[in-house]
N, C-alpha and C. Protein backbone atom coordinates (compact mmCIF):
# COMPACT_ATOMS: atom_id res chain seq x y z
N MET A 1 -41.81 15.23 86.31
CA MET A 1 -41.79 13.89 85.75
C MET A 1 -40.45 13.59 85.06
N ASP A 2 -39.76 14.60 84.60
CA ASP A 2 -38.52 14.38 83.88
C ASP A 2 -37.39 13.88 84.78
N ASN A 3 -37.50 14.10 86.07
CA ASN A 3 -36.40 13.72 86.96
C ASN A 3 -36.60 12.35 87.60
N LEU A 4 -37.55 11.58 87.12
CA LEU A 4 -37.76 10.24 87.67
C LEU A 4 -36.65 9.31 87.19
N PRO A 5 -36.24 8.35 88.05
CA PRO A 5 -35.22 7.39 87.59
C PRO A 5 -35.80 6.47 86.53
N SER A 6 -34.92 5.89 85.72
CA SER A 6 -35.39 4.97 84.69
C SER A 6 -35.94 3.71 85.36
N PRO A 7 -36.90 3.07 84.74
CA PRO A 7 -37.47 1.86 85.36
C PRO A 7 -36.43 0.74 85.45
N VAL A 8 -36.59 -0.08 86.45
CA VAL A 8 -35.67 -1.21 86.64
C VAL A 8 -36.10 -2.32 85.69
N THR A 9 -35.16 -2.81 84.93
CA THR A 9 -35.48 -3.87 83.98
C THR A 9 -35.20 -5.24 84.59
N THR A 10 -35.69 -6.26 83.92
CA THR A 10 -35.44 -7.64 84.36
C THR A 10 -33.93 -7.91 84.35
N MET A 11 -33.24 -7.37 83.34
CA MET A 11 -31.80 -7.57 83.25
C MET A 11 -31.08 -6.95 84.45
N ASP A 12 -31.53 -5.78 84.88
CA ASP A 12 -30.92 -5.13 86.05
C ASP A 12 -31.06 -6.02 87.29
N VAL A 13 -32.24 -6.58 87.47
CA VAL A 13 -32.49 -7.45 88.62
C VAL A 13 -31.62 -8.70 88.53
N TYR A 14 -31.56 -9.28 87.34
CA TYR A 14 -30.77 -10.49 87.11
C TYR A 14 -29.30 -10.25 87.42
N LEU A 15 -28.74 -9.16 86.90
CA LEU A 15 -27.34 -8.85 87.14
C LEU A 15 -27.07 -8.55 88.62
N ALA A 16 -27.99 -7.87 89.26
CA ALA A 16 -27.83 -7.56 90.68
C ALA A 16 -27.79 -8.84 91.52
N ARG A 17 -28.62 -9.81 91.15
CA ARG A 17 -28.62 -11.09 91.87
C ARG A 17 -27.30 -11.83 91.67
N ILE A 18 -26.78 -11.80 90.46
CA ILE A 18 -25.50 -12.48 90.19
C ILE A 18 -24.39 -11.86 91.03
N VAL A 19 -24.34 -10.54 91.06
CA VAL A 19 -23.30 -9.84 91.83
C VAL A 19 -23.44 -10.18 93.31
N GLU A 20 -24.67 -10.19 93.81
CA GLU A 20 -24.90 -10.51 95.22
C GLU A 20 -24.46 -11.93 95.54
N GLN A 21 -24.79 -12.87 94.66
CA GLN A 21 -24.40 -14.26 94.89
C GLN A 21 -22.88 -14.41 94.83
N ASN A 22 -22.23 -13.70 93.91
CA ASN A 22 -20.78 -13.77 93.83
C ASN A 22 -20.15 -13.27 95.12
N ASP A 23 -20.67 -12.16 95.65
CA ASP A 23 -20.14 -11.62 96.90
C ASP A 23 -20.29 -12.64 98.04
N GLU A 24 -21.44 -13.32 98.07
CA GLU A 24 -21.66 -14.33 99.12
C GLU A 24 -20.69 -15.49 98.96
N ILE A 25 -20.48 -15.93 97.74
CA ILE A 25 -19.57 -17.06 97.48
C ILE A 25 -18.14 -16.68 97.86
N ILE A 26 -17.71 -15.48 97.48
CA ILE A 26 -16.35 -15.04 97.80
C ILE A 26 -16.17 -14.95 99.31
N ALA A 27 -17.15 -14.41 100.01
CA ALA A 27 -17.07 -14.31 101.47
C ALA A 27 -17.00 -15.70 102.10
N LEU A 28 -17.77 -16.63 101.58
CA LEU A 28 -17.76 -17.99 102.09
C LEU A 28 -16.40 -18.64 101.86
N MET A 29 -15.85 -18.46 100.68
CA MET A 29 -14.55 -19.06 100.37
C MET A 29 -13.45 -18.48 101.24
N LYS A 30 -13.56 -17.20 101.60
CA LYS A 30 -12.55 -16.60 102.47
C LYS A 30 -12.57 -17.21 103.86
N THR A 31 -13.72 -17.73 104.29
CA THR A 31 -13.81 -18.35 105.61
C THR A 31 -13.16 -19.73 105.63
N TRP A 32 -12.91 -20.30 104.46
CA TRP A 32 -12.30 -21.63 104.39
C TRP A 32 -10.81 -21.59 104.69
N GLY A 33 -10.21 -20.42 104.66
CA GLY A 33 -8.79 -20.31 104.93
C GLY A 33 -7.96 -20.75 103.74
N ASP A 34 -6.73 -21.16 104.01
CA ASP A 34 -5.83 -21.56 102.93
C ASP A 34 -6.34 -22.82 102.25
N ARG A 35 -6.25 -22.81 100.97
CA ARG A 35 -6.67 -23.97 100.19
C ARG A 35 -5.73 -24.11 99.00
N PRO A 36 -5.56 -25.30 98.51
CA PRO A 36 -4.66 -25.45 97.36
C PRO A 36 -5.18 -24.68 96.16
N LYS A 37 -4.26 -24.14 95.40
CA LYS A 37 -4.66 -23.40 94.21
C LYS A 37 -5.19 -24.37 93.17
N THR A 38 -6.20 -23.92 92.46
CA THR A 38 -6.76 -24.78 91.42
C THR A 38 -5.78 -24.87 90.26
N ARG A 39 -5.72 -26.04 89.67
CA ARG A 39 -4.81 -26.23 88.54
C ARG A 39 -5.58 -26.03 87.26
N ARG A 40 -4.96 -25.34 86.33
CA ARG A 40 -5.57 -25.16 85.02
C ARG A 40 -5.11 -26.29 84.12
N LEU A 41 -6.02 -26.77 83.33
CA LEU A 41 -5.65 -27.79 82.36
C LEU A 41 -4.89 -27.13 81.22
N LYS A 42 -3.80 -27.73 80.85
CA LYS A 42 -3.01 -27.19 79.75
C LYS A 42 -3.55 -27.73 78.43
N GLU A 43 -3.56 -26.87 77.46
CA GLU A 43 -4.01 -27.32 76.14
C GLU A 43 -2.95 -28.24 75.54
N PRO A 44 -3.36 -29.30 74.88
CA PRO A 44 -2.37 -30.21 74.28
C PRO A 44 -1.58 -29.50 73.18
N LYS A 45 -0.31 -29.84 73.09
CA LYS A 45 0.54 -29.25 72.05
C LYS A 45 0.22 -29.93 70.73
N PRO A 46 0.16 -29.16 69.66
CA PRO A 46 -0.17 -29.76 68.36
C PRO A 46 0.92 -30.66 67.84
């Protein structure tokens, strides 16, 4: 009984889904080919 893996928690499942979705999104974006780089908004100077 001591060598059993720890139980899977809800957080483990949640994080695994996020990672899986990110991988799918990245793969999809790579199929789009070249695209303009996103512009970051600059913070206003004081």
